[in-house]
Amino acid sequence: MGVAMTNEERFIVSCEKVGEADVRDKLSAGRYSERKTIWASSWLDKVGSGKSDATKAEERSSPLRRSWTVLLKFR
């Protein structure tokens, strides 16, 4: 028999399945409850802290990210 998982653990597993981009999208769209927002933010912090500085710099400078940033400025 498996060990029962908490709601938080189940949510984190779902975050890992859908990936960082999807979690960020849902978080920014306000689609999570207050509790899940806290869990998602914490998970994203952990995911981000595991990345190298080079990976973080690459993500910040990617063409898609730059174009998205430009679009947000015109909102």
PDB file of N, CA and C in Angstrom:
ATOM      1  N   MET A   1       0.828  -1.194   0.000  1.00  0.00           N
ATOM      2  CA  MET A   1       0.000   0.000   0.000  1.00  0.00           C
ATOM      3  C   MET A   1       0.862   1.244   0.000  1.00  0.00           C
ATOM      4  N   GLY A   2       0.414   2.253  -0.716  1.00  0.00           N
ATOM      5  CA  GLY A   2       1.152   3.503  -0.767  1.00  0.00           C
ATOM      6  C   GLY A   2       0.809   4.388   0.411  1.00  0.00           C
ATOM      7  N   VAL A   3       1.662   5.340   0.647  1.00  0.00           N
ATOM      8  CA  VAL A   3       1.455   6.300   1.720  1.00  0.00           C
ATOM      9  C   VAL A   3       0.526   7.394   1.196  1.00  0.00           C
ATOM     10  N   ALA A   4      -0.452   7.772   2.018  1.00  0.00           N
ATOM     11  CA  ALA A   4      -1.390   8.823   1.614  1.00  0.00           C
ATOM     12  C   ALA A   4      -0.659  10.156   1.487  1.00  0.00           C
ATOM     13  N   MET A   5      -1.014  10.891   0.456  1.00  0.00           N
ATOM     14  CA  MET A   5      -0.388  12.190   0.223  1.00  0.00           C
ATOM     15  C   MET A   5      -1.296  13.294   0.743  1.00  0.00           C
ATOM     16  N   THR A   6      -0.672  14.372   1.183  1.00  0.00           N
ATOM     17  CA  THR A   6      -1.435  15.537   1.618  1.00  0.00           C
ATOM     18  C   THR A   6      -1.939  16.286   0.378  1.00  0.00           C
ATOM     19  N   ASN A   7      -2.860  17.193   0.583  1.00  0.00           N
ATOM     20  CA  ASN A   7      -3.348  18.021  -0.528  1.00  0.00           C
ATOM     21  C   ASN A   7      -2.197  18.791  -1.168  1.00  0.00           C
ATOM     22  N   GLU A   8      -1.299  19.308  -0.334  1.00  0.00           N
ATOM     23  CA  GLU A   8      -0.160  20.052  -0.863  1.00  0.00           C
ATOM     24  C   GLU A   8       0.722  19.157  -1.724  1.00  0.00           C
ATOM     25  N   GLU A   9       0.992  17.960  -1.252  1.00  0.00           N
ATOM     26  CA  GLU A   9       1.839  17.036  -2.018  1.00  0.00           C
ATOM     27  C   GLU A   9       1.192  16.682  -3.355  1.00  0.00           C
ATOM     28  N   ARG A  10      -0.120  16.449  -3.353  1.00  0.00           N
ATOM     29  CA  ARG A  10      -0.822  16.157  -4.607  1.00  0.00           C
ATOM     30  C   ARG A  10      -0.738  17.351  -5.557  1.00  0.00           C
ATOM     31  N   PHE A  11      -0.876  18.555  -5.004  1.00  0.00           N
ATOM     32  CA  PHE A  11      -0.802  19.750  -5.839  1.00  0.00           C
ATOM     33  C   PHE A  11       0.589  19.894  -6.451  1.00  0.00           C
ATOM     34  N   ILE A  12       1.619  19.659  -5.657  1.00  0.00           N
ATOM     35  CA  ILE A  12       2.997  19.763  -6.158  1.00  0.00           C
ATOM     36  C   ILE A  12       3.239  18.747  -7.266  1.00  0.00           C
ATOM     37  N   VAL A  13       2.728  17.542  -7.111  1.00  0.00           N
ATOM     38  CA  VAL A  13       2.855  16.524  -8.163  1.00  0.00           C
ATOM     39  C   VAL A  13       2.184  17.023  -9.436  1.00  0.00           C
ATOM     40  N   SER A  14       1.014  17.656  -9.301  1.00  0.00           N
ATOM     41  CA  SER A  14       0.325  18.177 -10.489  1.00  0.00           C
ATOM     42  C   SER A  14       1.139  19.304 -11.134  1.00  0.00           C
ATOM     43  N   CYS A  15       1.798  20.120 -10.326  1.00  0.00           N
ATOM     44  CA  CYS A  15       2.663  21.179 -10.862  1.00  0.00           C
ATOM     45  C   CYS A  15       3.811  20.570 -11.665  1.00  0.00           C
ATOM     46  N   GLU A  16       4.396  19.526 -11.127  1.00  0.00           N
ATOM     47  CA  GLU A  16       5.506  18.865 -11.812  1.00  0.00           C
ATOM     48  C   GLU A  16       5.050  18.253 -13.129  1.00  0.00           C
ATOM     49  N   LYS A  17       3.807  17.769 -13.178  1.00  0.00           N
ATOM     50  CA  LYS A  17       3.283  17.175 -14.408  1.00  0.00           C
ATOM     51  C   LYS A  17       3.038  18.218 -15.483  1.00  0.00           C
ATOM     52  N   VAL A  18       2.440  19.348 -15.120  1.00  0.00           N
ATOM     53  CA  VAL A  18       2.096  20.357 -16.138  1.00  0.00           C
ATOM     54  C   VAL A  18       3.263  21.260 -16.472  1.00  0.00           C
ATOM     55  N   GLY A  19       4.194  21.426 -15.561  1.00  0.00           N
ATOM     56  CA  GLY A  19       5.395  22.200 -15.830  1.00  0.00           C
ATOM     57  C   GLY A  19       5.336  23.641 -15.354  1.00  0.00           C
ATOM     58  N   GLU A  20       6.512  24.219 -15.322  1.00  0.00           N
ATOM     59  CA  GLU A  20       6.702  25.567 -14.784  1.00  0.00           C
ATOM     60  C   GLU A  20       5.900  26.624 -15.546  1.00  0.00           C
ATOM     61  N   ALA A  21       5.923  26.556 -16.859  1.00  0.00           N
ATOM     62  CA  ALA A  21       5.239  27.581 -17.664  1.00  0.00           C
ATOM     63  C   ALA A  21       3.739  27.591 -17.394  1.00  0.00           C
ATOM     64  N   ASP A  22       3.138  26.412 -17.331  1.00  0.00           N
ATOM     65  CA  ASP A  22       1.698  26.324 -17.087  1.00  0.00           C
ATOM     66  C   ASP A  22       1.348  26.834 -15.695  1.00  0.00           C
ATOM     67  N   VAL A  23       2.154  26.485 -14.710  1.00  0.00           N
ATOM     68  CA  VAL A  23       1.912  26.951 -13.347  1.00  0.00           C
ATOM     69  C   VAL A  23       2.033  28.468 -13.283  1.00  0.00           C
ATOM     70  N   ARG A  24       3.041  29.023 -13.931  1.00  0.00           N
ATOM     71  CA  ARG A  24       3.204  30.488 -13.964  1.00  0.00           C
ATOM     72  C   ARG A  24       2.005  31.162 -14.635  1.00  0.00           C
ATOM     73  N   ASP A  25       1.537  30.582 -15.739  1.00  0.00           N
ATOM     74  CA  ASP A  25       0.377  31.143 -16.434  1.00  0.00           C
ATOM     75  C   ASP A  25      -0.859  31.154 -15.540  1.00  0.00           C
ATOM     76  N   LYS A  26      -1.124  30.041 -14.899  1.00  0.00           N
ATOM     77  CA  LYS A  26      -2.299  29.943 -14.022  1.00  0.00           C
ATOM     78  C   LYS A  26      -2.166  30.869 -12.813  1.00  0.00           C
ATOM     79  N   LEU A  27      -0.971  30.968 -12.307  1.00  0.00           N
ATOM     80  CA  LEU A  27      -0.732  31.838 -11.150  1.00  0.00           C
ATOM     81  C   LEU A  27      -0.964  33.299 -11.530  1.00  0.00           C
ATOM     82  N   SER A  28      -0.423  33.711 -12.661  1.00  0.00           N
ATOM     83  CA  SER A  28      -0.584  35.104 -13.077  1.00  0.00           C
ATOM     84  C   SER A  28      -2.014  35.426 -13.479  1.00  0.00           C
ATOM     85  N   ALA A  29      -2.771  34.410 -13.891  1.00  0.00           N
ATOM     86  CA  ALA A  29      -4.171  34.614 -14.267  1.00  0.00           C
ATOM     87  C   ALA A  29      -5.100  34.555 -13.053  1.00  0.00           C
ATOM     88  N   GLY A  30      -4.533  34.267 -11.878  1.00  0.00           N
ATOM     89  CA  GLY A  30      -5.335  34.206 -10.662  1.00  0.00           C
ATOM     90  C   GLY A  30      -6.267  33.005 -10.590  1.00  0.00           C
ATOM     91  N   ARG A  31      -5.853  31.905 -11.191  1.00  0.00           N
ATOM     92  CA  ARG A  31      -6.708  30.719 -11.257  1.00  0.00           C
ATOM     93  C   ARG A  31      -6.576  29.790 -10.054  1.00  0.00           C
ATOM     94  N   TYR A  32      -5.666  30.094  -9.151  1.00  0.00           N
ATOM     95  CA  TYR A  32      -5.482  29.255  -7.971  1.00  0.00           C
ATOM     96  C   TYR A  32      -6.136  29.890  -6.753  1.00  0.00           C
ATOM     97  N   SER A  33      -6.572  29.041  -5.834  1.00  0.00           N
ATOM     98  CA  SER A  33      -7.080  29.527  -4.547  1.00  0.00           C
ATOM     99  C   SER A  33      -5.916  30.139  -3.769  1.00  0.00           C
ATOM    100  N   GLU A  34      -6.229  30.781  -2.675  1.00  0.00           N
ATOM    101  CA  GLU A  34      -5.180  31.413  -1.865  1.00  0.00           C
ATOM    102  C   GLU A  34      -4.144  30.392  -1.415  1.00  0.00           C
ATOM    103  N   ARG A  35      -4.608  29.249  -0.959  1.00  0.00           N
ATOM    104  CA  ARG A  35      -3.690  28.201  -0.485  1.00  0.00           C
ATOM    105  C   ARG A  35      -2.819  27.676  -1.632  1.00  0.00           C
ATOM    106  N   LYS A  36      -3.443  27.407  -2.782  1.00  0.00           N
ATOM    107  CA  LYS A  36      -2.676  26.887  -3.916  1.00  0.00           C
ATOM    108  C   LYS A  36      -1.721  27.937  -4.471  1.00  0.00           C
ATOM    109  N   THR A  37      -2.085  29.202  -4.352  1.00  0.00           N
ATOM    110  CA  THR A  37      -1.182  30.279  -4.780  1.00  0.00           C
ATOM    111  C   THR A  37       0.091  30.240  -3.955  1.00  0.00           C
ATOM    112  N   ILE A  38      -0.043  30.030  -2.664  1.00  0.00           N
ATOM    113  CA  ILE A  38       1.127  29.932  -1.781  1.00  0.00           C
ATOM    114  C   ILE A  38       1.971  28.717  -2.162  1.00  0.00           C
ATOM    115  N   TRP A  39       1.314  27.576  -2.369  1.00  0.00           N
ATOM    116  CA  TRP A  39       2.034  26.359  -2.738  1.00  0.00           C
ATOM    117  C   TRP A  39       2.729  26.518  -4.084  1.00  0.00           C
ATOM    118  N   ALA A  40       2.025  27.109  -5.062  1.00  0.00           N
ATOM    119  CA  ALA A  40       2.604  27.286  -6.400  1.00  0.00           C
ATOM    120  C   ALA A  40       3.806  28.220  -6.346  1.00  0.00           C
ATOM    121  N   SER A  41       3.684  29.308  -5.611  1.00  0.00           N
ATOM    122  CA  SER A  41       4.792  30.261  -5.490  1.00  0.00           C
ATOM    123  C   SER A  41       6.003  29.600  -4.852  1.00  0.00           C
ATOM    124  N   SER A  42       5.764  28.832  -3.829  1.00  0.00           N
ATOM    125  CA  SER A  42       6.844  28.127  -3.149  1.00  0.00           C
ATOM    126  C   SER A  42       7.509  27.124  -4.102  1.00  0.00           C
ATOM    127  N   TRP A  43       6.698  26.385  -4.842  1.00  0.00           N
ATOM    128  CA  TRP A  43       7.231  25.410  -5.793  1.00  0.00           C
ATOM    129  C   TRP A  43       8.056  26.102  -6.869  1.00  0.00           C
ATOM    130  N   LEU A  44       7.541  27.220  -7.385  1.00  0.00           N
ATOM    131  CA  LEU A  44       8.280  27.955  -8.409  1.00  0.00           C
ATOM    132  C   LEU A  44       9.600  28.487  -7.864  1.00  0.00           C
ATOM    133  N   ASP A  45       9.614  28.925  -6.614  1.00  0.00           N
ATOM    134  CA  ASP A  45      10.868  29.371  -5.990  1.00  0.00           C
ATOM    135  C   ASP A  45      11.880  28.231  -5.947  1.00  0.00           C
ATOM    136  N   LYS A  46      11.413  27.035  -5.586  1.00  0.00           N
ATOM    137  CA  LYS A  46      12.302  25.875  -5.514  1.00  0.00           C
ATOM    138  C   LYS A  46      12.812  25.497  -6.895  1.00  0.00           C
ATOM    139  N   VAL A  47      11.924  25.533  -7.886  1.00  0.00           N
ATOM    140  CA  VAL A  47      12.324  25.212  -9.251  1.00  0.00           C
ATOM    141  C   VAL A  47      13.358  26.228  -9.732  1.00  0.00           C
ATOM    142  N   GLY A  48      13.115  27.499  -9.465  1.00  0.00           N
ATOM    143  CA  GLY A  48      14.030  28.560  -9.887  1.00  0.00           C
ATOM    144  C   GLY A  48      15.366  28.486  -9.197  1.00  0.00           C
ATOM    145  N   SER A  49      15.365  28.127  -7.920  1.00  0.00           N
ATOM    146  CA  SER A  49      16.632  28.071  -7.185  1.00  0.00           C
ATOM    147  C   SER A  49      17.501  26.913  -7.648  1.00  0.00           C
ATOM    148  N   GLY A  50      16.903  25.930  -8.300  1.00  0.00           N
ATOM    149  CA  GLY A  50      17.664  24.789  -8.803  1.00  0.00           C
ATOM    150  C   GLY A  50      18.302  25.030 -10.152  1.00  0.00           C
ATOM    151  N   LYS A  51      17.991  26.165 -10.757  1.00  0.00           N
ATOM    152  CA  LYS A  51      18.540  26.464 -12.079  1.00  0.00           C
ATOM    153  C   LYS A  51      19.876  27.185 -11.946  1.00  0.00           C
ATOM    154  N   SER A  52      20.705  26.974 -12.933  1.00  0.00           N
ATOM    155  CA  SER A  52      22.002  27.665 -12.940  1.00  0.00           C
ATOM    156  C   SER A  52      21.786  29.121 -13.336  1.00  0.00           C
ATOM    157  N   ASP A  53      22.748  29.951 -13.034  1.00  0.00           N
ATOM    158  CA  ASP A  53      22.681  31.361 -13.419  1.00  0.00           C
ATOM    159  C   ASP A  53      22.586  31.508 -14.938  1.00  0.00           C
ATOM    160  N   ALA A  54      23.267  30.631 -15.661  1.00  0.00           N
ATOM    161  CA  ALA A  54      23.231  30.693 -17.122  1.00  0.00           C
ATOM    162  C   ALA A  54      21.829  30.400 -17.646  1.00  0.00           C
ATOM    163  N   THR A  55      21.169  29.417 -17.062  1.00  0.00           N
ATOM    164  CA  THR A  55      19.807  29.078 -17.475  1.00  0.00           C
ATOM    165  C   THR A  55      18.861  30.231 -17.187  1.00  0.00           C
ATOM    166  N   LYS A  56      18.988  30.838 -16.021  1.00  0.00           N
ATOM    167  CA  LYS A  56      18.134  31.976 -15.669  1.00  0.00           C
ATOM    168  C   LYS A  56      18.350  33.135 -16.629  1.00  0.00           C
ATOM    169  N   ALA A  57      19.603  33.402 -16.976  1.00  0.00           N
ATOM    170  CA  ALA A  57      19.911  34.494 -17.900  1.00  0.00           C
ATOM    171  C   ALA A  57      19.337  34.200 -19.283  1.00  0.00           C
ATOM    172  N   GLU A  58      19.430  32.965 -19.707  1.00  0.00           N
ATOM    173  CA  GLU A  58      18.897  32.573 -21.014  1.00  0.00           C
ATOM    174  C   GLU A  58      17.378  32.753 -21.046  1.00  0.00           C
ATOM    175  N   GLU A  59      16.707  32.354 -19.984  1.00  0.00           N
ATOM    176  CA  GLU A  59      15.250  32.507 -19.927  1.00  0.00           C
ATOM    177  C   GLU A  59      14.848  33.972 -19.962  1.00  0.00           C
ATOM    178  N   ARG A  60      15.601  34.809 -19.268  1.00  0.00           N
ATOM    179  CA  ARG A  60      15.283  36.242 -19.237  1.00  0.00           C
ATOM    180  C   ARG A  60      15.478  36.882 -20.603  1.00  0.00           C
ATOM    181  N   SER A  61      16.422  36.369 -21.382  1.00  0.00           N
ATOM    182  CA  SER A  61      16.746  37.004 -22.656  1.00  0.00           C
ATOM    183  C   SER A  61      16.108  36.311 -23.854  1.00  0.00           C
ATOM    184  N   SER A  62      15.285  35.299 -23.635  1.00  0.00           N
ATOM    185  CA  SER A  62      14.699  34.584 -24.766  1.00  0.00           C
ATOM    186  C   SER A  62      13.789  35.504 -25.569  1.00  0.00           C
ATOM    187  N   PRO A  63      13.735  35.331 -26.891  1.00  0.00           N
ATOM    188  CA  PRO A  63      12.898  36.187 -27.741  1.00  0.00           C
ATOM    189  C   PRO A  63      11.429  36.165 -27.336  1.00  0.00           C
ATOM    190  N   LEU A  64      10.910  35.005 -26.964  1.00  0.00           N
ATOM    191  CA  LEU A  64       9.515  34.908 -26.559  1.00  0.00           C
ATOM    192  C   LEU A  64       9.258  35.734 -25.312  1.00  0.00           C
ATOM    193  N   ARG A  65      10.149  35.650 -24.363  1.00  0.00           N
ATOM    194  CA  ARG A  65       9.988  36.416 -23.128  1.00  0.00           C
ATOM    195  C   ARG A  65      10.068  37.912 -23.411  1.00  0.00           C
ATOM    196  N   ARG A  66      11.011  38.313 -24.270  1.00  0.00           N
ATOM    197  CA  ARG A  66      11.136  39.738 -24.599  1.00  0.00           C
ATOM    198  C   ARG A  66       9.880  40.246 -25.283  1.00  0.00           C
ATOM    199  N   SER A  67       9.326  39.465 -26.219  1.00  0.00           N
ATOM    200  CA  SER A  67       8.123  39.921 -26.918  1.00  0.00           C
ATOM    201  C   SER A  67       6.942  39.982 -25.967  1.00  0.00           C
ATOM    202  N   TRP A  68       6.844  39.052 -25.037  1.00  0.00           N
ATOM    203  CA  TRP A  68       5.774  39.059 -24.046  1.00  0.00           C
ATOM    204  C   TRP A  68       5.901  40.298 -23.155  1.00  0.00           C
ATOM    205  N   THR A  69       7.109  40.629 -22.765  1.00  0.00           N
ATOM    206  CA  THR A  69       7.347  41.805 -21.937  1.00  0.00           C
ATOM    207  C   THR A  69       6.929  43.070 -22.679  1.00  0.00           C
ATOM    208  N   VAL A  70       7.246  43.147 -23.956  1.00  0.00           N
ATOM    209  CA  VAL A  70       6.859  44.303 -24.762  1.00  0.00           C
ATOM    210  C   VAL A  70       5.346  44.408 -24.835  1.00  0.00           C
ATOM    211  N   LEU A  71       4.678  43.292 -25.044  1.00  0.00           N
ATOM    212  CA  LEU A  71       3.214  43.310 -25.104  1.00  0.00           C
ATOM    213  C   LEU A  71       2.592  43.784 -23.789  1.00  0.00           C
ATOM    214  N   LEU A  72       3.164  43.367 -22.691  1.00  0.00           N
ATOM    215  CA  LEU A  72       2.619  43.767 -21.387  1.00  0.00           C
ATOM    216  C   LEU A  72       2.765  45.247 -21.160  1.00  0.00           C
ATOM    217  N   LYS A  73       3.795  45.864 -21.700  1.00  0.00           N
ATOM    218  CA  LYS A  73       4.012  47.302 -21.522  1.00  0.00           C
ATOM    219  C   LYS A  73       2.913  48.109 -22.208  1.00  0.00           C
ATOM    220  N   PHE A  74       2.305  47.532 -23.243  1.00  0.00           N
ATOM    221  CA  PHE A  74       1.287  48.270 -23.997  1.00  0.00           C
ATOM    222  C   PHE A  74      -0.121  48.032 -23.478  1.00  0.00           C
ATOM    223  N   ARG A  75      -0.269  47.297 -22.411  1.00  0.00           N
ATOM    224  CA  ARG A  75      -1.601  47.036 -21.830  1.00  0.00           C
ATOM    225  C   ARG A  75      -2.143  48.237 -21.158  1.00  0.00           C
TER     226      ARG A  75
END
